[in-house]
Full PDB file with SEQRES, HELIX, SHEET, SSBOND, CRYST1, ORIGX, SCALE, CONECT and MASTER records, all heavy atoms in Angstrom:
SEQRES   1 A   37  THR GLU VAL ASN LEU LEU LYS LYS LEU GLN ASN ASN ASN          
SEQRES   2 A   37  TYR VAL VAL LYS PHE ALA GLU HIS LYS TYR TYR GLN ASN          
SEQRES   3 A   37  THR LEU THR LEU VAL THR ASP ILE CYS ASN HIS                  
HELIX    1 AA1 GLU A    2  LYS A    8  1                                   7    
SHEET    1 AA1 2 PHE A  18  TYR A  24  0                                        
SHEET    2 AA1 2 THR A  27  THR A  32 -1                                        
CRYST1    1.000    1.000    1.000  90.00  90.00  90.00 P 1           1          
ORIGX1      1.000000  0.000000  0.000000        0.00000                         
ORIGX2      0.000000  1.000000  0.000000        0.00000                         
ORIGX3      0.000000  0.000000  1.000000        0.00000                         
SCALE1      1.000000  0.000000  0.000000        0.00000                         
SCALE2      0.000000  1.000000  0.000000        0.00000                         
SCALE3      0.000000  0.000000  1.000000        0.00000                         
ATOM      1  N   THR A   1     137.365 108.445  80.897  1.00  0.00           N  
ATOM      2  CA  THR A   1     136.734 108.896  79.678  1.00  0.00           C  
ATOM      3  C   THR A   1     137.099 107.922  78.493  1.00  0.00           C  
ATOM      4  O   THR A   1     136.230 107.608  77.762  1.00  0.00           O  
ATOM      5  CB  THR A   1     137.119 110.330  79.346  1.00  0.00           C  
ATOM      6  OG1 THR A   1     136.635 111.199  80.403  1.00  0.00           O  
ATOM      7  CG2 THR A   1     136.603 110.757  77.972  1.00  0.00           C  
ATOM      8  N   GLU A   2     138.294 107.619  78.409  1.00  0.00           N  
ATOM      9  CA  GLU A   2     138.722 106.678  77.348  1.00  0.00           C  
ATOM     10  C   GLU A   2     137.975 105.377  77.396  1.00  0.00           C  
ATOM     11  O   GLU A   2     137.396 104.896  76.392  1.00  0.00           O  
ATOM     12  CB  GLU A   2     140.223 106.352  77.390  1.00  0.00           C  
ATOM     13  CG  GLU A   2     140.645 105.354  76.361  1.00  0.00           C  
ATOM     14  CD  GLU A   2     142.190 105.215  76.218  1.00  0.00           C  
ATOM     15  OE1 GLU A   2     142.820 105.181  77.217  1.00  0.00           O  
ATOM     16  OE2 GLU A   2     142.614 104.930  75.012  1.00  0.00           O  
ATOM     17  N   VAL A   3     137.916 104.835  78.578  1.00  0.00           N  
ATOM     18  CA  VAL A   3     137.247 103.527  78.785  1.00  0.00           C  
ATOM     19  C   VAL A   3     135.790 103.653  78.396  1.00  0.00           C  
ATOM     20  O   VAL A   3     135.194 102.797  77.620  1.00  0.00           O  
ATOM     21  CB  VAL A   3     137.396 102.988  80.252  1.00  0.00           C  
ATOM     22  CG1 VAL A   3     136.473 101.808  80.443  1.00  0.00           C  
ATOM     23  CG2 VAL A   3     138.816 102.660  80.482  1.00  0.00           C  
ATOM     24  N   ASN A   4     135.078 104.703  78.857  1.00  0.00           N  
ATOM     25  CA  ASN A   4     133.639 104.865  78.618  1.00  0.00           C  
ATOM     26  C   ASN A   4     133.379 105.116  77.076  1.00  0.00           C  
ATOM     27  O   ASN A   4     132.430 104.616  76.615  1.00  0.00           O  
ATOM     28  CB  ASN A   4     133.136 106.123  79.401  1.00  0.00           C  
ATOM     29  CG  ASN A   4     133.070 105.775  80.940  1.00  0.00           C  
ATOM     30  OD1 ASN A   4     132.980 104.655  81.385  1.00  0.00           O  
ATOM     31  ND2 ASN A   4     133.226 106.852  81.758  1.00  0.00           N  
ATOM     32  N   LEU A   5     134.202 105.844  76.469  1.00  0.00           N  
ATOM     33  CA  LEU A   5     134.068 106.110  75.022  1.00  0.00           C  
ATOM     34  C   LEU A   5     134.256 104.879  74.216  1.00  0.00           C  
ATOM     35  O   LEU A   5     133.497 104.592  73.262  1.00  0.00           O  
ATOM     36  CB  LEU A   5     134.950 107.202  74.565  1.00  0.00           C  
ATOM     37  CG  LEU A   5     134.665 108.670  74.984  1.00  0.00           C  
ATOM     38  CD1 LEU A   5     135.726 109.673  74.588  1.00  0.00           C  
ATOM     39  CD2 LEU A   5     133.369 109.128  74.459  1.00  0.00           C  
ATOM     40  N   LEU A   6     135.268 104.007  74.554  1.00  0.00           N  
ATOM     41  CA  LEU A   6     135.490 102.801  73.875  1.00  0.00           C  
ATOM     42  C   LEU A   6     134.375 101.870  74.009  1.00  0.00           C  
ATOM     43  O   LEU A   6     133.958 101.130  73.129  1.00  0.00           O  
ATOM     44  CB  LEU A   6     136.835 102.187  74.334  1.00  0.00           C  
ATOM     45  CG  LEU A   6     138.077 102.780  73.860  1.00  0.00           C  
ATOM     46  CD1 LEU A   6     139.292 102.137  74.508  1.00  0.00           C  
ATOM     47  CD2 LEU A   6     138.227 102.652  72.348  1.00  0.00           C  
ATOM     48  N   LYS A   7     133.738 101.933  75.184  1.00  0.00           N  
ATOM     49  CA  LYS A   7     132.556 101.018  75.369  1.00  0.00           C  
ATOM     50  C   LYS A   7     131.371 101.457  74.501  1.00  0.00           C  
ATOM     51  O   LYS A   7     130.658 100.629  73.958  1.00  0.00           O  
ATOM     52  CB  LYS A   7     132.152 101.101  76.946  1.00  0.00           C  
ATOM     53  CG  LYS A   7     133.083 100.303  77.857  1.00  0.00           C  
ATOM     54  CD  LYS A   7     132.593 100.440  79.224  1.00  0.00           C  
ATOM     55  CE  LYS A   7     133.467  99.641  80.244  1.00  0.00           C  
ATOM     56  NZ  LYS A   7     133.001  99.728  81.635  1.00  0.00           N  
ATOM     57  N   LYS A   8     131.179 102.835  74.438  1.00  0.00           N  
ATOM     58  CA  LYS A   8     130.027 103.298  73.650  1.00  0.00           C  
ATOM     59  C   LYS A   8     130.327 103.019  72.136  1.00  0.00           C  
ATOM     60  O   LYS A   8     129.380 102.900  71.397  1.00  0.00           O  
ATOM     61  CB  LYS A   8     129.842 104.776  73.936  1.00  0.00           C  
ATOM     62  CG  LYS A   8     129.361 105.082  75.326  1.00  0.00           C  
ATOM     63  CD  LYS A   8     129.274 106.577  75.550  1.00  0.00           C  
ATOM     64  CE  LYS A   8     128.709 106.854  76.966  1.00  0.00           C  
ATOM     65  NZ  LYS A   8     128.580 108.306  77.164  1.00  0.00           N  
ATOM     66  N   LEU A   9     131.623 102.981  71.743  1.00  0.00           N  
ATOM     67  CA  LEU A   9     131.991 102.766  70.293  1.00  0.00           C  
ATOM     68  C   LEU A   9     132.378 101.374  70.051  1.00  0.00           C  
ATOM     69  O   LEU A   9     132.972 101.109  69.042  1.00  0.00           O  
ATOM     70  CB  LEU A   9     133.099 103.709  70.003  1.00  0.00           C  
ATOM     71  CG  LEU A   9     132.774 105.295  70.030  1.00  0.00           C  
ATOM     72  CD1 LEU A   9     134.076 106.036  69.985  1.00  0.00           C  
ATOM     73  CD2 LEU A   9     131.803 105.668  68.942  1.00  0.00           C  
ATOM     74  N   GLN A  10     131.947 100.476  70.923  1.00  0.00           N  
ATOM     75  CA  GLN A  10     132.457  99.059  70.807  1.00  0.00           C  
ATOM     76  C   GLN A  10     132.091  98.431  69.484  1.00  0.00           C  
ATOM     77  O   GLN A  10     132.874  97.563  69.015  1.00  0.00           O  
ATOM     78  CB  GLN A  10     131.858  98.233  72.011  1.00  0.00           C  
ATOM     79  CG  GLN A  10     132.505  96.888  72.042  1.00  0.00           C  
ATOM     80  CD  GLN A  10     132.114  96.225  73.376  1.00  0.00           C  
ATOM     81  OE1 GLN A  10     131.362  96.724  74.185  1.00  0.00           O  
ATOM     82  NE2 GLN A  10     132.712  95.068  73.659  1.00  0.00           N  
ATOM     83  N   ASN A  11     130.985  98.724  68.846  1.00  0.00           N  
ATOM     84  CA  ASN A  11     130.497  98.121  67.622  1.00  0.00           C  
ATOM     85  C   ASN A  11     130.853  98.988  66.438  1.00  0.00           C  
ATOM     86  O   ASN A  11     130.273  98.759  65.329  1.00  0.00           O  
ATOM     87  CB  ASN A  11     129.011  97.849  67.747  1.00  0.00           C  
ATOM     88  CG  ASN A  11     128.662  96.888  68.790  1.00  0.00           C  
ATOM     89  OD1 ASN A  11     129.268  95.896  68.976  1.00  0.00           O  
ATOM     90  ND2 ASN A  11     127.562  97.208  69.495  1.00  0.00           N  
ATOM     91  N   ASN A  12     131.797  99.958  66.583  1.00  0.00           N  
ATOM     92  CA  ASN A  12     132.238 100.833  65.535  1.00  0.00           C  
ATOM     93  C   ASN A  12     133.320 100.257  64.731  1.00  0.00           C  
ATOM     94  O   ASN A  12     134.394  99.799  65.324  1.00  0.00           O  
ATOM     95  CB  ASN A  12     132.553 102.132  66.087  1.00  0.00           C  
ATOM     96  CG  ASN A  12     132.792 103.211  65.073  1.00  0.00           C  
ATOM     97  OD1 ASN A  12     133.697 103.144  64.241  1.00  0.00           O  
ATOM     98  ND2 ASN A  12     131.960 104.279  65.068  1.00  0.00           N  
ATOM     99  N   ASN A  13     133.197 100.145  63.429  1.00  0.00           N  
ATOM    100  CA  ASN A  13     134.251  99.564  62.619  1.00  0.00           C  
ATOM    101  C   ASN A  13     135.489 100.458  62.439  1.00  0.00           C  
ATOM    102  O   ASN A  13     136.480  99.919  61.948  1.00  0.00           O  
ATOM    103  CB  ASN A  13     133.685  99.244  61.216  1.00  0.00           C  
ATOM    104  CG  ASN A  13     132.703  98.067  61.272  1.00  0.00           C  
ATOM    105  OD1 ASN A  13     132.765  97.193  62.054  1.00  0.00           O  
ATOM    106  ND2 ASN A  13     131.725  98.175  60.419  1.00  0.00           N  
ATOM    107  N   TYR A  14     135.439 101.669  62.820  1.00  0.00           N  
ATOM    108  CA  TYR A  14     136.493 102.666  62.555  1.00  0.00           C  
ATOM    109  C   TYR A  14     137.252 102.990  63.857  1.00  0.00           C  
ATOM    110  O   TYR A  14     138.104 103.879  63.933  1.00  0.00           O  
ATOM    111  CB  TYR A  14     135.947 103.932  61.936  1.00  0.00           C  
ATOM    112  CG  TYR A  14     135.024 103.652  60.799  1.00  0.00           C  
ATOM    113  CD1 TYR A  14     133.620 103.834  60.938  1.00  0.00           C  
ATOM    114  CD2 TYR A  14     135.460 103.134  59.621  1.00  0.00           C  
ATOM    115  CE1 TYR A  14     132.776 103.492  59.883  1.00  0.00           C  
ATOM    116  CE2 TYR A  14     134.655 102.747  58.612  1.00  0.00           C  
ATOM    117  CZ  TYR A  14     133.319 102.991  58.754  1.00  0.00           C  
ATOM    118  OH  TYR A  14     132.480 102.721  57.638  1.00  0.00           O  
ATOM    119  N   VAL A  15     137.007 102.208  64.933  1.00  0.00           N  
ATOM    120  CA  VAL A  15     137.620 102.504  66.237  1.00  0.00           C  
ATOM    121  C   VAL A  15     138.067 101.076  66.820  1.00  0.00           C  
ATOM    122  O   VAL A  15     137.376 100.083  66.510  1.00  0.00           O  
ATOM    123  CB  VAL A  15     136.574 103.049  67.222  1.00  0.00           C  
ATOM    124  CG1 VAL A  15     137.156 103.237  68.615  1.00  0.00           C  
ATOM    125  CG2 VAL A  15     136.210 104.459  66.722  1.00  0.00           C  
ATOM    126  N   VAL A  16     139.198 101.078  67.480  1.00  0.00           N  
ATOM    127  CA  VAL A  16     139.680  99.794  68.138  1.00  0.00           C  
ATOM    128  C   VAL A  16     138.580  99.314  68.995  1.00  0.00           C  
ATOM    129  O   VAL A  16     137.975 100.015  69.758  1.00  0.00           O  
ATOM    130  CB  VAL A  16     141.011  99.982  68.882  1.00  0.00           C  
ATOM    131  CG1 VAL A  16     142.150 100.274  67.904  1.00  0.00           C  
ATOM    132  CG2 VAL A  16     140.880 101.171  69.890  1.00  0.00           C  
ATOM    133  N   LYS A  17     138.364  97.902  68.969  1.00  0.00           N  
ATOM    134  CA  LYS A  17     137.165  97.384  69.689  1.00  0.00           C  
ATOM    135  C   LYS A  17     137.638  97.056  71.109  1.00  0.00           C  
ATOM    136  O   LYS A  17     138.604  96.371  71.456  1.00  0.00           O  
ATOM    137  CB  LYS A  17     136.741  96.099  69.013  1.00  0.00           C  
ATOM    138  CG  LYS A  17     135.482  95.543  69.561  1.00  0.00           C  
ATOM    139  CD  LYS A  17     134.984  94.349  68.685  1.00  0.00           C  
ATOM    140  CE  LYS A  17     134.656  94.731  67.272  1.00  0.00           C  
ATOM    141  NZ  LYS A  17     133.444  95.631  67.293  1.00  0.00           N  
ATOM    142  N   PHE A  18     136.870  97.579  72.137  1.00  0.00           N  
ATOM    143  CA  PHE A  18     137.088  97.412  73.473  1.00  0.00           C  
ATOM    144  C   PHE A  18     136.752  95.938  73.971  1.00  0.00           C  
ATOM    145  O   PHE A  18     135.828  95.359  73.557  1.00  0.00           O  
ATOM    146  CB  PHE A  18     136.241  98.340  74.280  1.00  0.00           C  
ATOM    147  CG  PHE A  18     136.307  98.211  75.777  1.00  0.00           C  
ATOM    148  CD1 PHE A  18     137.378  98.734  76.574  1.00  0.00           C  
ATOM    149  CD2 PHE A  18     135.324  97.521  76.395  1.00  0.00           C  
ATOM    150  CE1 PHE A  18     137.354  98.608  77.911  1.00  0.00           C  
ATOM    151  CE2 PHE A  18     135.346  97.328  77.816  1.00  0.00           C  
ATOM    152  CZ  PHE A  18     136.376  97.844  78.525  1.00  0.00           C  
ATOM    153  N   ALA A  19     137.669  95.394  74.890  1.00  0.00           N  
ATOM    154  CA  ALA A  19     137.420  94.126  75.373  1.00  0.00           C  
ATOM    155  C   ALA A  19     137.181  94.277  76.905  1.00  0.00           C  
ATOM    156  O   ALA A  19     136.082  93.894  77.440  1.00  0.00           O  
ATOM    157  CB  ALA A  19     138.514  93.149  75.102  1.00  0.00           C  
ATOM    158  N   GLU A  20     138.145  94.720  77.722  1.00  0.00           N  
ATOM    159  CA  GLU A  20     137.988  94.902  79.114  1.00  0.00           C  
ATOM    160  C   GLU A  20     139.058  95.771  79.636  1.00  0.00           C  
ATOM    161  O   GLU A  20     140.010  96.120  78.979  1.00  0.00           O  
ATOM    162  CB  GLU A  20     138.060  93.546  79.846  1.00  0.00           C  
ATOM    163  CG  GLU A  20     139.249  92.700  79.520  1.00  0.00           C  
ATOM    164  CD  GLU A  20     139.171  91.305  80.255  1.00  0.00           C  
ATOM    165  OE1 GLU A  20     139.054  91.305  81.465  1.00  0.00           O  
ATOM    166  OE2 GLU A  20     139.421  90.334  79.567  1.00  0.00           O  
ATOM    167  N   HIS A  21     138.961  96.169  80.967  1.00  0.00           N  
ATOM    168  CA  HIS A  21     139.931  97.061  81.535  1.00  0.00           C  
ATOM    169  C   HIS A  21     140.045  96.695  83.022  1.00  0.00           C  
ATOM    170  O   HIS A  21     139.181  96.111  83.587  1.00  0.00           O  
ATOM    171  CB  HIS A  21     139.681  98.464  81.367  1.00  0.00           C  
ATOM    172  CG  HIS A  21     138.699  99.058  82.254  1.00  0.00           C  
ATOM    173  ND1 HIS A  21     137.289  98.675  82.218  1.00  0.00           N  
ATOM    174  CD2 HIS A  21     138.740  99.847  83.355  1.00  0.00           C  
ATOM    175  CE1 HIS A  21     136.644  99.281  83.136  1.00  0.00           C  
ATOM    176  NE2 HIS A  21     137.441 100.058  83.836  1.00  0.00           N  
ATOM    177  N   LYS A  22     141.182  97.097  83.631  1.00  0.00           N  
ATOM    178  CA  LYS A  22     141.303  96.891  85.044  1.00  0.00           C  
ATOM    179  C   LYS A  22     142.290  97.898  85.618  1.00  0.00           C  
ATOM    180  O   LYS A  22     143.443  98.128  85.116  1.00  0.00           O  
ATOM    181  CB  LYS A  22     141.947  95.519  85.287  1.00  0.00           C  
ATOM    182  CG  LYS A  22     142.195  95.185  86.744  1.00  0.00           C  
ATOM    183  CD  LYS A  22     140.933  94.904  87.565  1.00  0.00           C  
ATOM    184  CE  LYS A  22     141.275  94.518  88.994  1.00  0.00           C  
ATOM    185  NZ  LYS A  22     140.008  94.351  89.795  1.00  0.00           N  
ATOM    186  N   TYR A  23     141.876  98.566  86.732  1.00  0.00           N  
ATOM    187  CA  TYR A  23     142.819  99.410  87.568  1.00  0.00           C  
ATOM    188  C   TYR A  23     143.469  98.525  88.567  1.00  0.00           C  
ATOM    189  O   TYR A  23     142.740  97.695  89.240  1.00  0.00           O  
ATOM    190  CB  TYR A  23     142.093 100.522  88.222  1.00  0.00           C  
ATOM    191  CG  TYR A  23     141.682 101.670  87.339  1.00  0.00           C  
ATOM    192  CD1 TYR A  23     140.454 101.821  86.932  1.00  0.00           C  
ATOM    193  CD2 TYR A  23     142.690 102.627  86.952  1.00  0.00           C  
ATOM    194  CE1 TYR A  23     140.054 102.953  86.033  1.00  0.00           C  
ATOM    195  CE2 TYR A  23     142.355 103.674  86.125  1.00  0.00           C  
ATOM    196  CZ  TYR A  23     141.031 103.823  85.679  1.00  0.00           C  
ATOM    197  OH  TYR A  23     140.606 104.832  84.831  1.00  0.00           O  
ATOM    198  N   TYR A  24     144.802  98.567  88.673  1.00  0.00           N  
ATOM    199  CA  TYR A  24     145.474  97.819  89.764  1.00  0.00           C  
ATOM    200  C   TYR A  24     146.648  98.556  90.199  1.00  0.00           C  
ATOM    201  O   TYR A  24     147.545  98.872  89.444  1.00  0.00           O  
ATOM    202  CB  TYR A  24     145.964  96.464  89.183  1.00  0.00           C  
ATOM    203  CG  TYR A  24     146.619  95.534  90.223  1.00  0.00           C  
ATOM    204  CD1 TYR A  24     145.920  94.821  91.083  1.00  0.00           C  
ATOM    205  CD2 TYR A  24     148.009  95.425  90.204  1.00  0.00           C  
ATOM    206  CE1 TYR A  24     146.550  94.050  92.046  1.00  0.00           C  
ATOM    207  CE2 TYR A  24     148.679  94.670  91.180  1.00  0.00           C  
ATOM    208  CZ  TYR A  24     147.907  94.020  92.134  1.00  0.00           C  
ATOM    209  OH  TYR A  24     148.560  93.205  93.023  1.00  0.00           O  
ATOM    210  N   GLN A  25     146.620  98.889  91.457  1.00  0.00           N  
ATOM    211  CA  GLN A  25     147.667  99.703  92.143  1.00  0.00           C  
ATOM    212  C   GLN A  25     147.873 100.989  91.308  1.00  0.00           C  
ATOM    213  O   GLN A  25     147.026 101.816  91.184  1.00  0.00           O  
ATOM    214  CB  GLN A  25     148.942  98.855  92.249  1.00  0.00           C  
ATOM    215  CG  GLN A  25     148.800  97.757  93.315  1.00  0.00           C  
ATOM    216  CD  GLN A  25     149.976  96.851  93.425  1.00  0.00           C  
ATOM    217  OE1 GLN A  25     151.023  97.001  92.768  1.00  0.00           O  
ATOM    218  NE2 GLN A  25     149.981  95.978  94.429  1.00  0.00           N  
ATOM    219  N   ASN A  26     149.004 101.178  90.675  1.00  0.00           N  
ATOM    220  CA  ASN A  26     149.365 102.400  89.914  1.00  0.00           C  
ATOM    221  C   ASN A  26     149.327 102.203  88.506  1.00  0.00           C  
ATOM    222  O   ASN A  26     149.988 102.949  87.734  1.00  0.00           O  
ATOM    223  CB  ASN A  26     150.707 102.845  90.437  1.00  0.00           C  
ATOM    224  CG  ASN A  26     150.731 103.347  91.824  1.00  0.00           C  
ATOM    225  OD1 ASN A  26     149.857 104.164  92.220  1.00  0.00           O  
ATOM    226  ND2 ASN A  26     151.666 102.891  92.649  1.00  0.00           N  
ATOM    227  N   THR A  27     148.504 101.277  87.995  1.00  0.00           N  
ATOM    228  CA  THR A  27     148.387 101.089  86.534  1.00  0.00           C  
ATOM    229  C   THR A  27     146.937 100.904  86.117  1.00  0.00           C  
ATOM    230  O   THR A  27     146.080 100.580  86.842  1.00  0.00           O  
ATOM    231  CB  THR A  27     149.177  99.840  86.101  1.00  0.00           C  
ATOM    232  OG1 THR A  27     148.608  98.653  86.664  1.00  0.00           O  
ATOM    233  CG2 THR A  27     150.672  99.830  86.496  1.00  0.00           C  
ATOM    234  N   LEU A  28     146.737 101.350  84.854  1.00  0.00           N  
ATOM    235  CA  LEU A  28     145.518 100.948  84.140  1.00  0.00           C  
ATOM    236  C   LEU A  28     145.850 100.013  83.014  1.00  0.00           C  
ATOM    237  O   LEU A  28     146.756 100.228  82.189  1.00  0.00           O  
ATOM    238  CB  LEU A  28     144.845 102.191  83.502  1.00  0.00           C  
ATOM    239  CG  LEU A  28     143.751 101.852  82.502  1.00  0.00           C  
ATOM    240  CD1 LEU A  28     142.550 101.168  83.159  1.00  0.00           C  
ATOM    241  CD2 LEU A  28     143.267 103.162  81.800  1.00  0.00           C  
ATOM    242  N   THR A  29     145.228  98.873  82.903  1.00  0.00           N  
ATOM    243  CA  THR A  29     145.362  97.928  81.916  1.00  0.00           C  
ATOM    244  C   THR A  29     144.146  97.906  80.999  1.00  0.00           C  
ATOM    245  O   THR A  29     143.003  97.683  81.536  1.00  0.00           O  
ATOM    246  CB  THR A  29     145.735  96.497  82.407  1.00  0.00           C  
ATOM    247  OG1 THR A  29     146.823  96.644  83.220  1.00  0.00           O  
ATOM    248  CG2 THR A  29     145.965  95.583  81.265  1.00  0.00           C  
ATOM    249  N   LEU A  30     144.302  98.174  79.727  1.00  0.00           N  
ATOM    250  CA  LEU A  30     143.193  98.385  78.809  1.00  0.00           C  
ATOM    251  C   LEU A  30     143.365  97.329  77.679  1.00  0.00           C  
ATOM    252  O   LEU A  30     144.396  97.409  76.948  1.00  0.00           O  
ATOM    253  CB  LEU A  30     143.081  99.742  78.269  1.00  0.00           C  
ATOM    254  CG  LEU A  30     141.931 100.095  77.253  1.00  0.00           C  
ATOM    255  CD1 LEU A  30     140.615  99.905  78.017  1.00  0.00           C  
ATOM    256  CD2 LEU A  30     142.125 101.461  76.775  1.00  0.00           C  
ATOM    257  N   VAL A  31     142.398  96.435  77.446  1.00  0.00           N  
ATOM    258  CA  VAL A  31     142.528  95.418  76.446  1.00  0.00           C  
ATOM    259  C   VAL A  31     141.568  95.690  75.341  1.00  0.00           C  
ATOM    260  O   VAL A  31     140.336  95.954  75.475  1.00  0.00           O  
ATOM    261  CB  VAL A  31     142.138  94.005  77.058  1.00  0.00           C  
ATOM    262  CG1 VAL A  31     142.257  92.873  76.044  1.00  0.00           C  
ATOM    263  CG2 VAL A  31     142.990  93.744  78.270  1.00  0.00           C  
ATOM    264  N   THR A  32     142.058  95.683  74.013  1.00  0.00           N  
ATOM    265  CA  THR A  32     141.332  95.805  72.877  1.00  0.00           C  
ATOM    266  C   THR A  32     141.696  94.765  71.813  1.00  0.00           C  
ATOM    267  O   THR A  32     142.673  94.134  72.000  1.00  0.00           O  
ATOM    268  CB  THR A  32     141.502  97.230  72.277  1.00  0.00           C  
ATOM    269  OG1 THR A  32     142.890  97.397  71.861  1.00  0.00           O  
ATOM    270  CG2 THR A  32     141.197  98.315  73.270  1.00  0.00           C  
ATOM    271  N   ASP A  33     140.934  94.775  70.710  1.00  0.00           N  
ATOM    272  CA  ASP A  33     141.218  93.956  69.612  1.00  0.00           C  
ATOM    273  C   ASP A  33     142.631  94.349  69.068  1.00  0.00           C  
ATOM    274  O   ASP A  33     143.021  95.588  69.183  1.00  0.00           O  
ATOM    275  CB  ASP A  33     140.297  94.035  68.488  1.00  0.00           C  
ATOM    276  CG  ASP A  33     139.170  93.037  68.579  1.00  0.00           C  
ATOM    277  OD1 ASP A  33     139.088  92.209  69.508  1.00  0.00           O  
ATOM    278  OD2 ASP A  33     138.276  93.030  67.672  1.00  0.00           O  
ATOM    279  N   ILE A  34     143.353  93.410  68.545  1.00  0.00           N  
ATOM    280  CA  ILE A  34     144.731  93.727  68.087  1.00  0.00           C  
ATOM    281  C   ILE A  34     144.674  94.238  66.636  1.00  0.00           C  
ATOM    282  O   ILE A  34     143.769  93.742  65.855  1.00  0.00           O  
ATOM    283  CB  ILE A  34     145.663  92.481  68.170  1.00  0.00           C  
ATOM    284  CG1 ILE A  34     147.077  92.924  68.014  1.00  0.00           C  
ATOM    285  CG2 ILE A  34     145.355  91.417  67.129  1.00  0.00           C  
ATOM    286  CD1 ILE A  34     148.088  91.847  68.454  1.00  0.00           C  
ATOM    287  N   CYS A  35     145.539  95.093  66.306  1.00  0.00           N  
ATOM    288  CA  CYS A  35     145.644  95.578  64.808  1.00  0.00           C  
ATOM    289  C   CYS A  35     147.081  95.127  64.431  1.00  0.00           C  
ATOM    290  O   CYS A  35     148.015  95.310  65.145  1.00  0.00           O  
ATOM    291  CB  CYS A  35     145.616  97.107  64.823  1.00  0.00           C  
ATOM    292  SG  CYS A  35     143.922  97.776  65.197  1.00  0.00           S  
ATOM    293  N   ASN A  36     147.039  94.436  63.252  1.00  0.00           N  
ATOM    294  CA  ASN A  36     148.156  93.628  62.834  1.00  0.00           C  
ATOM    295  C   ASN A  36     149.182  94.305  61.944  1.00  0.00           C  
ATOM    296  O   ASN A  36     150.023  93.722  61.391  1.00  0.00           O  
ATOM    297  CB  ASN A  36     147.724  92.332  62.261  1.00  0.00           C  
ATOM    298  CG  ASN A  36     146.882  92.467  60.997  1.00  0.00           C  
ATOM    299  OD1 ASN A  36     146.816  93.574  60.438  1.00  0.00           O  
ATOM    300  ND2 ASN A  36     146.202  91.404  60.585  1.00  0.00           N  
ATOM    301  N   HIS A  37     148.897  95.646  61.670  1.00  0.00           N  
ATOM    302  CA  HIS A  37     149.675  96.298  60.620  1.00  0.00           C  
ATOM    303  C   HIS A  37     150.407  97.600  61.103  1.00  0.00           C  
ATOM    304  O   HIS A  37     150.631  98.521  60.395  1.00  0.00           O  
ATOM    305  CB  HIS A  37     148.892  96.515  59.430  1.00  0.00           C  
ATOM    306  CG  HIS A  37     149.685  96.559  58.090  1.00  0.00           C  
ATOM    307  ND1 HIS A  37     150.264  95.387  57.666  1.00  0.00           N  
ATOM    308  CD2 HIS A  37     150.038  97.553  57.258  1.00  0.00           C  
ATOM    309  CE1 HIS A  37     150.846  95.602  56.456  1.00  0.00           C  
ATOM    310  NE2 HIS A  37     150.737  96.961  56.247  1.00  0.00           N  
TER     311      HIS A  37                                                      
MASTER        0    0    0    1    2    0    0    6  310    1    0    3          
END                                                                             
């Protein structure tokens, strides 16, 4: 659900911007734009 919502809100200025994700063994890795503060 998190991945799908981030994809739908990808162009939203008020939400972290989604880049990509990957399930591997027992982990989910989710990549977004960095927030510097």
